[in-house]
Protein backbone atom coordinates (compact mmCIF):
# COMPACT_ATOMS: atom_id res chain seq x y z
CA MET A 1 0.00 0.00 0.00
CA GLU A 2 2.88 2.37 0.81
CA ILE A 3 4.39 1.86 -2.64
CA ASN A 4 1.06 2.64 -4.30
CA ARG A 5 0.64 5.79 -2.20
CA ASN A 6 4.17 6.92 -3.07
CA LEU A 7 3.32 6.56 -6.74
CA GLU A 8 0.10 8.51 -6.28
CA ILE A 9 2.03 11.36 -4.68
CA LEU A 10 4.67 11.16 -7.42
CA HIS A 11 2.06 11.65 -10.13
CA GLU A 12 0.46 14.51 -8.19
CA MET A 13 3.87 16.19 -8.16
CA ILE A 14 4.40 15.60 -11.86
CA ASP A 15 1.05 17.25 -12.60
CA ASN A 16 2.42 20.37 -10.93
CA TYR A 17 5.71 20.39 -12.84
CA LYS A 18 4.31 19.58 -16.27
CA ASN A 19 2.14 22.70 -16.19
CA LEU A 20 5.21 24.94 -16.06
CA LYS A 21 5.86 26.60 -19.43
CA ASP A 22 9.62 25.86 -19.38
CA VAL A 23 9.16 22.09 -18.99
CA GLU A 24 9.36 20.03 -22.18
CA ALA A 25 9.61 16.52 -20.74
CA ILE A 26 9.81 14.67 -17.43
CA GLY A 27 11.28 11.23 -16.86
CA LEU A 28 11.68 8.84 -13.93
CA ALA A 29 14.93 6.89 -13.87
CA GLY A 30 17.50 5.51 -11.42
CA SER A 31 16.87 2.44 -9.27
CA SER A 32 13.08 2.85 -9.55
CA THR A 33 13.09 1.91 -13.22
CA ALA A 34 16.23 -0.28 -13.16
CA GLN A 35 14.48 -2.64 -10.71
CA THR A 36 17.29 -2.27 -8.18
CA ALA A 37 15.46 -0.10 -5.63
CA ASP A 38 15.59 -0.85 -1.92
CA ASN A 39 14.14 0.86 1.15
CA LYS A 40 16.83 3.56 0.99
CA SER A 41 16.28 4.38 -2.69
CA ASP A 42 14.90 7.71 -3.83
CA TYR A 43 12.88 8.79 -6.84
CA ASP A 44 15.22 10.21 -9.50
CA ILE A 45 13.21 12.65 -11.59
CA TYR A 46 14.68 14.38 -14.64
CA ILE A 47 13.03 17.54 -15.90
CA TYR A 48 14.06 18.66 -19.38
CA GLY A 49 13.72 22.16 -20.75
CA LYS A 50 15.71 24.90 -22.47
CA GLN A 51 15.16 27.11 -19.43
CA GLU A 52 15.08 25.99 -15.82
CA PRO A 53 11.76 26.79 -14.14
CA PRO A 54 12.01 29.71 -11.68
CA VAL A 55 13.44 28.75 -8.30
CA GLU A 56 10.56 30.17 -6.29
CA THR A 57 8.02 28.33 -8.41
CA ARG A 58 9.88 25.08 -7.76
CA ARG A 59 10.04 25.88 -4.05
CA LYS A 60 6.26 26.38 -3.89
CA ILE A 61 5.69 22.99 -5.54
CA ALA A 62 8.08 21.28 -3.12
CA GLN A 63 6.36 22.90 -0.15
CA LYS A 64 3.10 21.22 -1.13
CA PHE A 65 4.66 17.80 -0.66
CA ALA A 66 7.65 18.20 1.66
CA ASP A 67 8.65 19.92 4.90
CA LYS A 68 12.39 19.33 4.56
CA MET A 69 13.96 20.50 1.31
CA GLU A 70 16.99 21.88 -0.47
CA ILE A 71 16.02 23.87 -3.54
CA ASP A 72 18.37 24.91 -6.35
CA ASN A 73 21.49 23.05 -5.31
CA HIS A 74 24.39 22.84 -7.76
CA TYR A 75 26.51 19.99 -6.43
CA PHE A 76 26.30 18.14 -9.74
CA GLU A 77 23.48 19.14 -12.08
CA THR A 78 21.01 21.82 -11.02
CA GLY A 79 18.67 20.09 -8.62
CA ASP A 80 16.00 20.14 -5.94
CA THR A 81 16.01 17.52 -3.19
CA PHE A 82 13.42 16.87 -0.51
CA THR A 83 11.62 14.18 1.43
CA LEU A 84 7.89 13.67 1.25
CA LYS A 85 5.80 14.70 4.24
CA GLU A 86 3.84 11.51 3.83
CA GLY A 87 6.01 8.40 4.06
CA GLY A 88 9.38 10.20 4.01
CA LYS A 89 10.34 9.05 0.50
CA PRO A 90 13.45 10.94 -0.77
CA ILE A 91 12.97 12.88 -4.01
CA ASP A 92 15.89 13.95 -6.21
CA ILE A 93 14.94 16.24 -9.10
CA MET A 94 17.51 17.17 -11.74
CA TYR A 95 17.07 19.82 -14.44
CA ARG A 96 18.67 19.17 -17.82
CA HIS A 97 18.88 21.02 -21.09
CA PRO A 98 17.82 18.76 -23.99
CA ASP A 99 20.99 19.69 -25.90
CA PHE A 100 23.14 18.23 -23.11
CA ILE A 101 21.69 14.75 -23.33
CA GLU A 102 21.46 14.82 -27.12
CA GLY A 103 25.12 15.83 -27.30
CA ASN A 104 26.15 12.93 -25.08
CA ILE A 105 24.13 10.42 -27.09
CA LYS A 106 25.68 11.61 -30.34
CA TRP A 107 29.23 11.73 -28.97
CA VAL A 108 29.07 8.31 -27.30
CA TRP A 109 26.36 6.14 -28.84
CA GLU A 110 26.39 7.40 -32.41
CA ASP A 111 30.01 8.54 -32.88
CA GLY A 112 31.62 5.85 -30.73
CA ASN A 113 33.74 7.98 -28.38
CA ALA A 114 34.90 6.53 -25.06
CA SER A 115 35.62 8.06 -21.65
CA LEU A 116 37.78 6.81 -18.81
CA GLY A 117 35.02 5.04 -16.90
CA TYR A 118 31.24 5.51 -16.97
CA THR A 119 31.16 5.87 -20.78
CA THR A 120 27.60 4.69 -21.39
CA CYS A 121 25.96 5.85 -18.14
CA PHE A 122 23.87 8.59 -19.72
CA VAL A 123 22.77 6.23 -22.49
CA ASP A 124 21.74 3.73 -19.82
CA ASN A 125 19.91 6.48 -17.95
CA ILE A 126 17.88 7.44 -21.02
CA ARG A 127 17.17 3.86 -22.06
CA LYS A 128 15.77 3.05 -18.61
CA THR A 129 13.84 6.31 -18.26
CA GLU A 130 10.10 5.99 -17.81
CA VAL A 131 8.45 8.87 -19.63
CA LEU A 132 6.07 10.70 -17.29
CA TYR A 133 5.44 13.72 -19.51
CA ASP A 134 6.52 14.52 -23.06
CA LYS A 135 5.01 17.72 -24.46
CA ASN A 136 6.21 17.32 -28.05
CA GLY A 137 7.51 13.74 -28.11
CA TRP A 138 11.15 14.77 -27.72
CA LEU A 139 11.96 12.33 -24.90
CA GLU A 140 10.42 9.38 -26.71
CA GLY A 141 12.49 10.33 -29.76
CA VAL A 142 15.69 10.37 -27.71
CA LYS A 143 14.85 6.98 -26.23
CA LYS A 144 14.44 5.56 -29.75
CA ARG A 145 17.93 6.79 -30.66
CA VAL A 146 19.48 4.60 -27.95
CA ASP A 147 17.13 1.65 -28.43
CA THR A 148 19.56 0.05 -30.88
CA PRO A 149 22.18 -2.71 -30.68
CA TYR A 150 25.38 -1.87 -28.82
CA PRO A 151 27.70 -0.22 -31.41
CA GLU A 152 30.74 -2.38 -32.13
CA LYS A 153 32.96 0.67 -32.67
CA LEU A 154 32.03 2.03 -29.26
CA ALA A 155 32.71 -1.26 -27.48
CA LEU A 156 36.17 -1.54 -29.03
CA ASN A 157 37.03 2.09 -28.24
CA ILE A 158 35.96 1.71 -24.59
CA ILE A 159 38.05 -1.43 -24.19
CA LYS A 160 41.13 0.04 -25.88
CA LYS A 161 41.12 3.37 -24.05
CA ASN A 162 40.36 2.06 -20.59
CA PHE A 163 42.50 -1.08 -20.73
CA THR A 164 45.55 0.85 -21.89
CA TYR A 165 45.27 3.25 -18.98
CA LEU A 166 44.88 0.52 -16.37
CA LYS A 167 48.54 -0.48 -16.65
CA ASP A 168 50.12 -0.17 -20.09
CA ALA A 169 50.13 3.64 -20.47
CA MET A 170 52.67 6.01 -18.98
CA PHE A 171 51.51 7.19 -15.53
CA SER A 172 48.75 4.57 -15.64
CA TYR A 173 46.33 3.90 -12.81
CA ARG A 174 48.58 1.04 -11.77
CA ASP A 175 51.58 3.40 -11.58
CA GLN A 176 49.55 5.92 -9.59
CA ILE A 177 48.45 3.23 -7.11
CA ALA A 178 52.08 2.11 -6.74
CA SER A 179 53.24 5.66 -6.01
CA ALA A 180 50.44 6.20 -3.50
CA VAL A 181 51.25 2.95 -1.69
CA GLU A 182 54.96 3.82 -1.57
CA ARG A 183 54.10 7.19 -0.02
CA CYS A 184 51.57 5.63 2.38
CA ASP A 185 49.13 8.21 1.00
CA PHE A 186 45.91 6.51 2.06
CA VAL A 187 43.55 9.07 0.55
CA SER A 188 45.30 8.84 -2.81
CA ILE A 189 45.33 5.01 -2.64
CA ASN A 190 41.56 4.91 -2.32
CA HIS A 191 41.07 7.59 -4.95
CA ARG A 192 43.26 5.84 -7.53
CA CYS A 193 41.78 2.41 -6.77
CA ALA A 194 38.32 3.85 -7.34
CA ALA A 195 39.40 5.30 -10.69
CA PHE A 196 40.97 1.96 -11.62
CA LEU A 197 37.69 0.19 -10.82
CA ALA A 198 35.67 2.68 -12.87
CA SER A 199 37.71 1.83 -15.97
CA TYR A 200 37.80 -1.88 -15.09
CA PHE A 201 34.00 -2.06 -14.99
CA ASP A 202 33.70 0.05 -18.15
CA ILE A 203 35.80 -2.60 -19.93
CA ILE A 204 33.76 -5.51 -18.57
CA PHE A 205 30.47 -3.94 -19.58
CA ALA A 206 31.78 -3.09 -23.05
CA LYS A 207 33.12 -6.61 -23.50
CA ASN A 208 29.68 -7.98 -22.68
CA ARG A 209 27.90 -5.25 -24.71
CA VAL A 210 26.06 -4.16 -21.58
CA LEU A 211 25.41 -0.51 -20.72
CA ASN A 212 27.22 0.88 -17.68
CA PRO A 213 24.63 1.47 -14.91
CA GLY A 214 26.79 3.86 -12.88
CA GLU A 215 28.52 3.23 -9.57
CA LYS A 216 26.06 1.39 -7.32
CA LYS A 217 25.68 -2.37 -6.81
CA LEU A 218 28.12 -3.12 -9.64
CA ILE A 219 29.28 -6.52 -8.42
CA PRO A 220 25.81 -8.12 -8.31
CA PHE A 221 24.86 -6.31 -11.52
CA ALA A 222 27.89 -7.72 -13.36
CA LEU A 223 27.36 -11.23 -11.95
CA LYS A 224 23.76 -11.15 -13.18
CA ASN A 225 24.20 -9.47 -16.56
CA CYS A 226 27.70 -10.28 -17.82
CA LYS A 227 28.44 -13.75 -19.20
CA ILE A 228 32.14 -13.01 -19.64
CA LEU A 229 33.98 -12.13 -16.43
CA PRO A 230 37.67 -12.30 -15.46
CA GLU A 231 38.86 -15.05 -13.18
CA GLY A 232 38.59 -14.07 -9.52
CA PHE A 233 36.34 -11.12 -10.43
CA GLU A 234 34.30 -10.71 -7.24
CA ASN A 235 37.09 -11.35 -4.74
CA ASP A 236 39.58 -9.14 -6.58
CA VAL A 237 37.17 -6.20 -6.81
CA LYS A 238 36.46 -6.39 -3.09
CA THR A 239 40.17 -6.66 -2.24
CA LEU A 240 41.11 -3.66 -4.40
CA ALA A 241 38.25 -1.63 -2.96
CA ILE A 242 38.52 -2.39 0.74
CA GLY A 243 41.37 -4.88 1.27
CA ASP A 244 44.64 -4.41 3.12
CA ILE A 245 46.85 -1.72 1.63
CA SER A 246 49.63 -4.28 1.07
CA LYS A 247 47.30 -6.27 -1.20
CA ARG A 248 46.09 -3.42 -3.40
CA LEU A 249 48.95 -3.27 -5.93
CA PRO A 250 49.38 -7.04 -6.46
CA THR A 251 45.60 -7.31 -6.78
CA ALA A 252 45.53 -4.56 -9.42
CA ASP A 253 48.29 -6.37 -11.35
CA LYS A 254 46.35 -9.64 -11.17
CA MET A 255 43.12 -7.96 -12.29
CA VAL A 256 44.80 -6.50 -15.37
CA GLU A 257 46.26 -9.85 -16.42
CA ASN A 258 43.01 -11.75 -15.83
CA LEU A 259 41.16 -9.07 -17.78
CA ARG A 260 43.69 -9.32 -20.61
CA LYS A 261 42.89 -13.03 -20.94
CA ILE A 262 39.21 -12.41 -21.74
CA LEU A 263 39.90 -9.61 -24.20
């Protein structure tokens, strides 16, 4: 019953936002549509428009549904965050210009360009978006652009770029981890191991022609969705992420070589 009531409130909120003249489309994404939600998950709502709706207008809408809120934050994308008065469900609203997401889709999905980690996250976000409002059909059109087979050129470019920088490139992630360990720089060790893992997972997902879902619950996601995984995958990822400092560098070396075998 609580889930149904949350959805009722969600749609009441959307009715408020879709009446704003600057709003072209609204989508629900994140764990809610990826079927990975748990009791700590929020509603990730994406509002698209060439102009962001006025801050005070957004505040008035939030006040109808929430008593604790943070309006117009700029930590990542422009956003409003609050918790519902009824039930306490967290709400995370992000405002995006249509050109931003179209540019990413063209650069990555259609032109085949790779990043160091997280290459296909925006594509995954759009593909899994549930359209809640679409004034002129723009959002449905964008979804159709990514509803195509995984581009072979993109997969190869992701693998080449990210694998090279794991260990084979000058000043690679492996070299950076080694330097951090030698200095006993614990903050840098964790930072560089995290960057290593971002590229490592980008490679695995590209190898399996699976979109990168982001940074949460990646081990169970890969075990469920990727048929091709390196030997020792789960244990090595955990060791590199949270294992003893003395084990980080040899584990990174082992991960690269086991990854090389499946490529």
